[in-house]
N, C-alpha and C. Protein backbone atom coordinates (compact mmCIF):
# COMPACT_ATOMS: atom_id res chain seq x y z
N UNK A 1 -19.71 -15.17 -71.52
CA UNK A 1 -20.98 -15.29 -72.19
C UNK A 1 -21.94 -16.09 -71.29
N UNK A 2 -23.18 -15.61 -71.16
CA UNK A 2 -24.17 -16.26 -70.30
C UNK A 2 -24.66 -17.56 -70.94
N UNK A 3 -24.99 -18.51 -70.09
CA UNK A 3 -25.51 -19.79 -70.55
C UNK A 3 -26.96 -19.61 -71.00
N UNK A 4 -27.28 -20.04 -72.20
CA UNK A 4 -28.64 -19.97 -72.70
C UNK A 4 -29.20 -21.39 -72.77
N UNK A 5 -30.32 -21.63 -72.12
CA UNK A 5 -30.92 -22.96 -72.18
C UNK A 5 -31.27 -23.33 -73.63
N UNK A 6 -31.03 -24.56 -73.98
CA UNK A 6 -31.29 -25.03 -75.33
C UNK A 6 -32.80 -25.26 -75.51
N UNK A 7 -33.29 -24.82 -76.66
CA UNK A 7 -34.71 -24.99 -76.98
C UNK A 7 -34.84 -26.24 -77.84
N UNK A 8 -34.83 -27.38 -77.19
CA UNK A 8 -34.84 -28.68 -77.86
C UNK A 8 -36.21 -28.97 -78.46
N UNK A 9 -36.30 -29.93 -79.37
CA UNK A 9 -37.61 -30.30 -79.93
C UNK A 9 -38.61 -30.69 -78.83
N UNK A 10 -38.15 -31.39 -77.79
CA UNK A 10 -39.05 -31.77 -76.70
C UNK A 10 -39.55 -30.52 -75.96
N UNK A 11 -38.65 -29.56 -75.72
CA UNK A 11 -39.05 -28.32 -75.06
C UNK A 11 -40.01 -27.52 -75.95
N UNK A 12 -39.77 -27.54 -77.25
CA UNK A 12 -40.67 -26.82 -78.16
C UNK A 12 -42.08 -27.40 -78.07
N UNK A 13 -42.19 -28.72 -78.03
CA UNK A 13 -43.51 -29.36 -77.94
C UNK A 13 -44.19 -29.01 -76.63
N UNK A 14 -43.42 -29.04 -75.53
CA UNK A 14 -43.98 -28.68 -74.22
C UNK A 14 -44.40 -27.21 -74.20
N UNK A 15 -43.59 -26.36 -74.84
CA UNK A 15 -43.92 -24.94 -74.94
C UNK A 15 -45.26 -24.77 -75.67
N UNK A 16 -45.40 -25.45 -76.80
CA UNK A 16 -46.63 -25.33 -77.59
C UNK A 16 -47.84 -25.86 -76.82
N UNK A 17 -47.66 -26.95 -76.07
CA UNK A 17 -48.76 -27.46 -75.24
C UNK A 17 -49.17 -26.43 -74.18
N UNK A 18 -48.16 -25.81 -73.57
CA UNK A 18 -48.45 -24.79 -72.54
C UNK A 18 -49.11 -23.57 -73.17
N UNK A 19 -48.70 -23.20 -74.37
CA UNK A 19 -49.31 -22.06 -75.06
C UNK A 19 -50.77 -22.36 -75.39
N UNK A 20 -51.05 -23.59 -75.83
CA UNK A 20 -52.44 -24.01 -76.08
C UNK A 20 -53.28 -23.90 -74.81
N UNK A 21 -52.70 -24.34 -73.69
CA UNK A 21 -53.44 -24.37 -72.42
C UNK A 21 -53.62 -22.99 -71.80
N UNK A 22 -52.60 -22.15 -71.88
CA UNK A 22 -52.63 -20.88 -71.15
C UNK A 22 -52.92 -19.67 -72.03
N UNK A 23 -52.56 -19.74 -73.32
CA UNK A 23 -52.69 -18.57 -74.17
C UNK A 23 -51.74 -17.46 -73.74
N UNK A 24 -50.66 -17.83 -73.03
CA UNK A 24 -49.74 -16.84 -72.48
C UNK A 24 -48.31 -17.25 -72.81
N UNK A 25 -47.63 -16.43 -73.62
CA UNK A 25 -46.29 -16.75 -74.08
C UNK A 25 -45.31 -16.80 -72.91
N UNK A 26 -45.42 -15.84 -72.00
CA UNK A 26 -44.50 -15.80 -70.86
C UNK A 26 -44.62 -17.06 -70.01
N UNK A 27 -45.84 -17.46 -69.69
CA UNK A 27 -46.04 -18.68 -68.88
C UNK A 27 -45.56 -19.92 -69.63
N UNK A 28 -45.81 -19.99 -70.92
CA UNK A 28 -45.37 -21.13 -71.71
C UNK A 28 -43.85 -21.21 -71.74
N UNK A 29 -43.20 -20.07 -71.89
CA UNK A 29 -41.73 -20.05 -71.90
C UNK A 29 -41.18 -20.45 -70.54
N UNK A 30 -41.73 -19.90 -69.48
CA UNK A 30 -41.28 -20.25 -68.13
C UNK A 30 -41.44 -21.74 -67.86
N UNK A 31 -42.49 -22.34 -68.41
CA UNK A 31 -42.76 -23.75 -68.15
C UNK A 31 -41.68 -24.68 -68.71
N UNK A 32 -40.90 -24.19 -69.68
CA UNK A 32 -39.83 -25.00 -70.26
C UNK A 32 -38.45 -24.42 -69.97
N UNK A 33 -38.40 -23.39 -69.14
CA UNK A 33 -37.11 -22.84 -68.71
C UNK A 33 -36.40 -21.97 -69.73
N UNK A 34 -37.15 -21.29 -70.58
CA UNK A 34 -36.54 -20.34 -71.51
C UNK A 34 -37.17 -18.98 -71.29
N UNK A 35 -36.54 -17.96 -71.87
CA UNK A 35 -37.10 -16.62 -71.75
C UNK A 35 -38.16 -16.40 -72.83
N UNK A 36 -39.00 -15.47 -72.58
CA UNK A 36 -40.02 -15.08 -73.55
C UNK A 36 -39.33 -14.64 -74.84
N UNK A 37 -38.28 -13.85 -74.71
CA UNK A 37 -37.53 -13.35 -75.87
C UNK A 37 -36.96 -14.51 -76.69
N UNK A 38 -36.45 -15.54 -76.01
CA UNK A 38 -35.90 -16.70 -76.73
C UNK A 38 -36.99 -17.39 -77.54
N UNK A 39 -38.19 -17.48 -76.99
CA UNK A 39 -39.30 -18.09 -77.72
C UNK A 39 -39.62 -17.29 -78.98
N UNK A 40 -39.71 -15.97 -78.84
CA UNK A 40 -39.99 -15.13 -80.00
C UNK A 40 -38.86 -15.19 -81.03
N UNK A 41 -37.62 -15.23 -80.55
CA UNK A 41 -36.48 -15.33 -81.48
C UNK A 41 -36.55 -16.64 -82.27
N UNK A 42 -36.89 -17.72 -81.58
CA UNK A 42 -36.98 -19.03 -82.25
C UNK A 42 -38.13 -19.02 -83.26
N UNK A 43 -39.23 -18.40 -82.90
CA UNK A 43 -40.35 -18.31 -83.84
C UNK A 43 -39.94 -17.54 -85.09
N UNK A 44 -39.19 -16.47 -84.90
CA UNK A 44 -38.73 -15.65 -86.03
C UNK A 44 -37.79 -16.45 -86.95
N UNK A 45 -36.98 -17.30 -86.37
CA UNK A 45 -35.96 -18.02 -87.13
C UNK A 45 -36.45 -19.34 -87.74
N UNK A 46 -37.60 -19.84 -87.31
CA UNK A 46 -38.04 -21.17 -87.71
C UNK A 46 -39.49 -21.12 -88.19
N UNK A 47 -39.70 -21.21 -89.50
CA UNK A 47 -41.03 -21.09 -90.09
C UNK A 47 -41.97 -22.20 -89.63
N UNK A 48 -41.45 -23.44 -89.48
CA UNK A 48 -42.30 -24.54 -89.02
C UNK A 48 -42.79 -24.29 -87.60
N UNK A 49 -41.89 -23.84 -86.75
CA UNK A 49 -42.26 -23.53 -85.37
C UNK A 49 -43.26 -22.37 -85.35
N UNK A 50 -43.06 -21.38 -86.20
CA UNK A 50 -43.99 -20.24 -86.26
C UNK A 50 -45.39 -20.72 -86.64
N UNK A 51 -45.49 -21.67 -87.57
CA UNK A 51 -46.80 -22.20 -87.97
C UNK A 51 -47.43 -23.00 -86.82
N UNK A 52 -46.62 -23.78 -86.10
CA UNK A 52 -47.13 -24.53 -84.96
C UNK A 52 -47.58 -23.59 -83.85
N UNK A 53 -46.83 -22.52 -83.65
CA UNK A 53 -47.18 -21.50 -82.66
C UNK A 53 -48.55 -20.91 -83.00
N UNK A 54 -48.75 -20.56 -84.28
CA UNK A 54 -50.02 -19.98 -84.72
C UNK A 54 -51.17 -20.96 -84.47
N UNK A 55 -50.96 -22.23 -84.77
CA UNK A 55 -51.99 -23.25 -84.52
C UNK A 55 -52.31 -23.34 -83.03
N UNK A 56 -51.28 -23.34 -82.19
CA UNK A 56 -51.49 -23.41 -80.74
C UNK A 56 -52.25 -22.18 -80.25
N UNK A 57 -51.89 -21.04 -80.79
CA UNK A 57 -52.56 -19.78 -80.40
C UNK A 57 -54.04 -19.82 -80.80
N UNK A 58 -54.33 -20.33 -81.99
CA UNK A 58 -55.72 -20.44 -82.44
C UNK A 58 -56.51 -21.39 -81.55
N UNK A 59 -55.90 -22.51 -81.17
CA UNK A 59 -56.57 -23.46 -80.28
C UNK A 59 -56.88 -22.81 -78.93
N UNK A 60 -55.93 -22.05 -78.42
CA UNK A 60 -56.13 -21.35 -77.15
C UNK A 60 -57.28 -20.35 -77.27
N UNK A 61 -57.33 -19.64 -78.38
CA UNK A 61 -58.41 -18.67 -78.60
C UNK A 61 -59.75 -19.38 -78.75
N UNK A 62 -59.76 -20.54 -79.39
CA UNK A 62 -60.99 -21.32 -79.49
C UNK A 62 -61.51 -21.71 -78.11
N UNK A 63 -60.59 -22.05 -77.21
CA UNK A 63 -60.99 -22.40 -75.84
C UNK A 63 -61.61 -21.20 -75.14
N UNK A 64 -61.01 -20.03 -75.35
CA UNK A 64 -61.57 -18.81 -74.76
C UNK A 64 -63.00 -18.58 -75.26
N UNK A 65 -63.17 -18.73 -76.55
CA UNK A 65 -64.49 -18.52 -77.13
C UNK A 65 -65.50 -19.54 -76.60
N UNK A 66 -65.08 -20.78 -76.47
CA UNK A 66 -65.97 -21.81 -75.94
C UNK A 66 -66.38 -21.49 -74.50
N UNK A 67 -65.43 -21.01 -73.70
CA UNK A 67 -65.75 -20.65 -72.31
C UNK A 67 -66.66 -19.44 -72.25
N UNK A 68 -66.43 -18.46 -73.13
CA UNK A 68 -67.33 -17.30 -73.18
C UNK A 68 -68.74 -17.73 -73.55
N UNK A 69 -68.85 -18.62 -74.52
CA UNK A 69 -70.16 -19.13 -74.93
C UNK A 69 -70.84 -19.89 -73.78
N UNK A 70 -70.07 -20.71 -73.08
CA UNK A 70 -70.64 -21.46 -71.96
C UNK A 70 -71.17 -20.52 -70.88
N UNK A 71 -70.38 -19.50 -70.53
CA UNK A 71 -70.80 -18.56 -69.49
C UNK A 71 -71.99 -17.73 -69.93
N UNK A 72 -72.07 -17.41 -71.23
CA UNK A 72 -73.20 -16.63 -71.73
C UNK A 72 -74.48 -17.46 -71.74
N UNK A 73 -74.40 -18.73 -72.15
CA UNK A 73 -75.59 -19.56 -72.30
C UNK A 73 -75.93 -20.38 -71.06
N UNK A 74 -74.94 -21.05 -70.50
CA UNK A 74 -75.20 -21.93 -69.36
C UNK A 74 -75.02 -21.20 -68.03
N UNK A 75 -74.21 -20.16 -68.04
CA UNK A 75 -73.98 -19.39 -66.82
C UNK A 75 -73.06 -20.12 -65.85
N UNK A 76 -72.88 -19.49 -64.71
CA UNK A 76 -72.07 -20.08 -63.64
C UNK A 76 -72.88 -20.01 -62.34
N UNK A 77 -72.66 -21.00 -61.50
CA UNK A 77 -73.35 -21.01 -60.21
C UNK A 77 -72.61 -20.12 -59.22
N UNK A 78 -73.37 -19.26 -58.54
CA UNK A 78 -72.80 -18.42 -57.49
C UNK A 78 -73.51 -18.76 -56.18
N UNK A 79 -72.74 -18.96 -55.12
CA UNK A 79 -73.38 -19.29 -53.83
C UNK A 79 -74.15 -18.09 -53.27
N UNK A 80 -75.20 -18.40 -52.55
CA UNK A 80 -75.99 -17.39 -51.85
C UNK A 80 -75.82 -17.65 -50.36
N UNK A 81 -75.53 -16.58 -49.62
CA UNK A 81 -75.29 -16.70 -48.18
C UNK A 81 -76.36 -15.92 -47.41
N UNK A 82 -76.74 -16.45 -46.28
CA UNK A 82 -77.64 -15.76 -45.37
C UNK A 82 -77.06 -15.91 -43.97
N UNK A 83 -76.81 -14.79 -43.34
CA UNK A 83 -76.22 -14.75 -42.00
C UNK A 83 -74.95 -15.59 -41.92
N UNK A 84 -74.13 -15.47 -42.96
CA UNK A 84 -72.83 -16.14 -42.97
C UNK A 84 -72.88 -17.60 -43.37
N UNK A 85 -74.03 -18.15 -43.62
CA UNK A 85 -74.17 -19.56 -44.01
C UNK A 85 -74.65 -19.66 -45.46
N UNK A 86 -74.08 -20.60 -46.18
CA UNK A 86 -74.52 -20.82 -47.55
C UNK A 86 -75.91 -21.44 -47.51
N UNK A 87 -76.85 -20.80 -48.23
CA UNK A 87 -78.22 -21.31 -48.21
C UNK A 87 -78.72 -21.71 -49.59
N UNK A 88 -77.88 -21.57 -50.60
CA UNK A 88 -78.30 -21.95 -51.94
C UNK A 88 -77.34 -21.42 -52.99
N UNK A 89 -77.77 -21.53 -54.23
CA UNK A 89 -76.98 -21.02 -55.34
C UNK A 89 -77.92 -20.35 -56.33
N UNK A 90 -77.39 -19.42 -57.08
CA UNK A 90 -78.13 -18.84 -58.19
C UNK A 90 -77.28 -18.99 -59.45
N UNK A 91 -77.95 -19.08 -60.56
CA UNK A 91 -77.28 -19.22 -61.85
C UNK A 91 -77.13 -17.82 -62.45
N UNK A 92 -75.89 -17.40 -62.70
CA UNK A 92 -75.62 -16.09 -63.30
C UNK A 92 -75.18 -16.29 -64.74
N UNK A 93 -75.77 -15.52 -65.62
CA UNK A 93 -75.43 -15.54 -67.04
C UNK A 93 -74.72 -14.24 -67.38
N UNK A 94 -73.94 -14.25 -68.43
CA UNK A 94 -73.19 -13.04 -68.80
C UNK A 94 -73.76 -12.42 -70.06
N UNK A 95 -74.53 -11.35 -69.87
CA UNK A 95 -75.05 -10.62 -71.02
C UNK A 95 -73.90 -9.98 -71.80
N UNK A 96 -72.87 -9.55 -71.10
CA UNK A 96 -71.74 -8.91 -71.77
C UNK A 96 -71.04 -9.89 -72.70
N UNK A 97 -70.81 -11.12 -72.25
CA UNK A 97 -70.19 -12.11 -73.12
C UNK A 97 -71.09 -12.43 -74.31
N UNK A 98 -72.39 -12.49 -74.08
CA UNK A 98 -73.34 -12.75 -75.15
C UNK A 98 -73.26 -11.64 -76.21
N UNK A 99 -73.18 -10.39 -75.76
CA UNK A 99 -73.05 -9.27 -76.69
C UNK A 99 -71.77 -9.40 -77.51
N UNK A 100 -70.65 -9.71 -76.85
CA UNK A 100 -69.38 -9.85 -77.57
C UNK A 100 -69.45 -10.98 -78.60
N UNK A 101 -70.09 -12.08 -78.26
CA UNK A 101 -70.22 -13.18 -79.20
C UNK A 101 -71.06 -12.77 -80.41
N UNK A 102 -72.15 -12.06 -80.15
CA UNK A 102 -72.98 -11.59 -81.27
C UNK A 102 -72.20 -10.63 -82.17
N UNK A 103 -71.45 -9.72 -81.56
CA UNK A 103 -70.66 -8.78 -82.36
C UNK A 103 -69.60 -9.50 -83.18
N UNK A 104 -69.03 -10.56 -82.62
CA UNK A 104 -67.99 -11.30 -83.33
C UNK A 104 -68.56 -12.11 -84.48
N UNK A 105 -69.72 -12.72 -84.26
CA UNK A 105 -70.26 -13.64 -85.26
C UNK A 105 -71.24 -13.00 -86.23
N UNK A 106 -71.81 -11.88 -85.86
CA UNK A 106 -72.72 -11.14 -86.75
C UNK A 106 -72.40 -9.65 -86.71
N UNK A 107 -71.18 -9.29 -87.08
CA UNK A 107 -70.79 -7.88 -86.95
C UNK A 107 -71.66 -6.95 -87.78
N UNK A 108 -72.12 -7.43 -88.94
CA UNK A 108 -72.95 -6.57 -89.80
C UNK A 108 -74.25 -6.16 -89.11
N UNK A 109 -74.68 -6.95 -88.14
CA UNK A 109 -75.94 -6.66 -87.45
C UNK A 109 -75.72 -6.05 -86.06
N UNK A 110 -74.68 -6.46 -85.32
CA UNK A 110 -74.56 -6.10 -83.92
C UNK A 110 -73.42 -5.14 -83.56
N UNK A 111 -72.48 -4.93 -84.43
CA UNK A 111 -71.40 -4.02 -84.05
C UNK A 111 -71.90 -2.57 -84.11
N UNK A 112 -71.19 -1.69 -83.44
CA UNK A 112 -71.51 -0.28 -83.53
C UNK A 112 -71.10 0.19 -84.91
N UNK A 113 -72.00 0.80 -85.60
CA UNK A 113 -71.70 1.29 -86.95
C UNK A 113 -71.64 2.80 -86.91
N UNK A 114 -70.45 3.30 -86.81
CA UNK A 114 -70.24 4.74 -86.81
C UNK A 114 -69.56 5.09 -88.12
N UNK A 115 -70.14 6.04 -88.80
CA UNK A 115 -69.58 6.42 -90.08
C UNK A 115 -69.35 7.92 -90.08
N UNK A 116 -68.14 8.31 -90.36
CA UNK A 116 -67.78 9.72 -90.44
C UNK A 116 -67.61 10.09 -91.89
N UNK A 117 -68.36 11.09 -92.33
CA UNK A 117 -68.21 11.57 -93.69
C UNK A 117 -67.92 13.05 -93.63
N UNK A 118 -67.04 13.46 -94.47
CA UNK A 118 -66.69 14.88 -94.56
C UNK A 118 -67.02 15.34 -95.96
N UNK A 119 -67.67 16.47 -96.05
CA UNK A 119 -68.02 16.99 -97.36
C UNK A 119 -67.91 18.50 -97.40
N UNK A 120 -67.98 19.00 -98.61
CA UNK A 120 -67.91 20.44 -98.80
C UNK A 120 -69.29 21.05 -98.72
N UNK A 121 -69.41 22.27 -99.17
CA UNK A 121 -70.67 23.01 -99.14
C UNK A 121 -71.76 22.24 -99.88
N UNK A 122 -72.93 22.14 -99.26
CA UNK A 122 -74.06 21.46 -99.89
C UNK A 122 -73.86 19.97 -100.07
N UNK A 123 -72.93 19.38 -99.33
CA UNK A 123 -72.67 17.95 -99.45
C UNK A 123 -71.75 17.59 -100.59
N UNK A 124 -71.25 18.57 -101.29
CA UNK A 124 -70.35 18.33 -102.42
C UNK A 124 -68.95 17.98 -101.96
N UNK A 125 -68.05 17.89 -102.92
CA UNK A 125 -66.67 17.54 -102.57
C UNK A 125 -65.98 18.68 -101.83
N UNK A 126 -65.00 18.33 -101.07
CA UNK A 126 -64.21 19.33 -100.37
C UNK A 126 -63.25 19.95 -101.38
N UNK A 127 -63.21 21.28 -101.40
CA UNK A 127 -62.29 21.96 -102.29
C UNK A 127 -61.15 22.52 -101.47
N UNK A 128 -59.96 22.26 -101.90
CA UNK A 128 -58.78 22.72 -101.19
C UNK A 128 -58.25 23.97 -101.86
N UNK A 129 -57.81 24.88 -101.05
CA UNK A 129 -57.19 26.09 -101.56
C UNK A 129 -55.69 25.92 -101.49
N UNK A 130 -55.06 26.00 -102.62
CA UNK A 130 -53.61 25.84 -102.66
C UNK A 130 -52.97 27.20 -102.53
N UNK A 131 -52.14 27.33 -101.52
CA UNK A 131 -51.43 28.58 -101.32
C UNK A 131 -50.02 28.41 -101.85
N UNK A 132 -49.66 29.30 -102.73
CA UNK A 132 -48.33 29.24 -103.33
C UNK A 132 -47.44 30.17 -102.54
N UNK A 133 -46.37 29.64 -102.00
CA UNK A 133 -45.44 30.43 -101.22
C UNK A 133 -44.48 31.12 -102.18
N UNK A 134 -44.47 32.44 -102.14
CA UNK A 134 -43.60 33.15 -103.07
C UNK A 134 -42.14 33.12 -102.64
N UNK A 135 -41.29 33.38 -103.58
CA UNK A 135 -39.87 33.51 -103.26
C UNK A 135 -39.69 34.76 -102.41
N UNK A 136 -38.61 34.83 -101.69
CA UNK A 136 -38.35 35.98 -100.84
C UNK A 136 -38.48 37.27 -101.63
N UNK A 137 -39.18 38.21 -101.08
CA UNK A 137 -39.32 39.52 -101.70
C UNK A 137 -40.48 39.61 -102.68
N UNK A 138 -41.08 38.50 -103.10
CA UNK A 138 -42.19 38.56 -104.04
C UNK A 138 -43.51 38.64 -103.26
N UNK A 139 -44.54 39.11 -103.91
CA UNK A 139 -45.86 39.19 -103.27
C UNK A 139 -46.55 37.85 -103.38
N UNK A 140 -47.27 37.43 -102.32
CA UNK A 140 -47.99 36.15 -102.41
C UNK A 140 -49.10 36.22 -103.44
N UNK A 141 -49.35 35.11 -104.10
CA UNK A 141 -50.46 35.03 -105.05
C UNK A 141 -51.34 33.88 -104.64
N UNK A 142 -52.62 34.07 -104.78
CA UNK A 142 -53.58 33.02 -104.46
C UNK A 142 -54.28 32.62 -105.74
N UNK A 143 -54.58 31.34 -105.89
CA UNK A 143 -55.29 30.91 -107.09
C UNK A 143 -56.72 31.43 -107.04
N UNK A 144 -57.34 31.50 -108.20
CA UNK A 144 -58.72 31.93 -108.26
C UNK A 144 -59.60 30.82 -107.67
N UNK A 145 -60.69 31.24 -107.04
CA UNK A 145 -61.64 30.26 -106.48
C UNK A 145 -63.00 30.52 -107.06
N UNK A 146 -63.81 29.49 -107.09
CA UNK A 146 -65.18 29.60 -107.59
C UNK A 146 -66.15 29.52 -106.43
N UNK A 147 -66.16 30.44 -105.61
CA UNK A 147 -67.11 30.39 -104.50
C UNK A 147 -66.64 31.21 -103.34
N UNK A 148 -67.42 31.18 -102.29
CA UNK A 148 -67.09 32.00 -101.13
C UNK A 148 -65.81 31.61 -100.44
């Protein structure tokens, strides 16, 4: 039987810290010397750990959102070069991140609203024709319909 590293309380805490920082289960597991599968198995078996995992994941996602907001509003500095020499910087903002933030926080106003409706003739309800399969040797019968 292969040796499985023990997932001690100290390792669990370090795992959760790494998950908060990276938002990556594989990296968090590697940081404490366990497999990704072992982390998921432990989460499945331990409700308290599962709740802590969810909290760590939410914190990680909050950090992502904060960074997206910073890049959308404050931008990032990009160096400008002339003839191979840095001669200045420009501030770049992310319209794409701004759009995603608007869609997330005001979906009723900014998300794509595509609506598919299916209807019958003249916008009425769809009428289905039920075909009755006859027994072997019998003639097929179709129900009466009220329309074309």
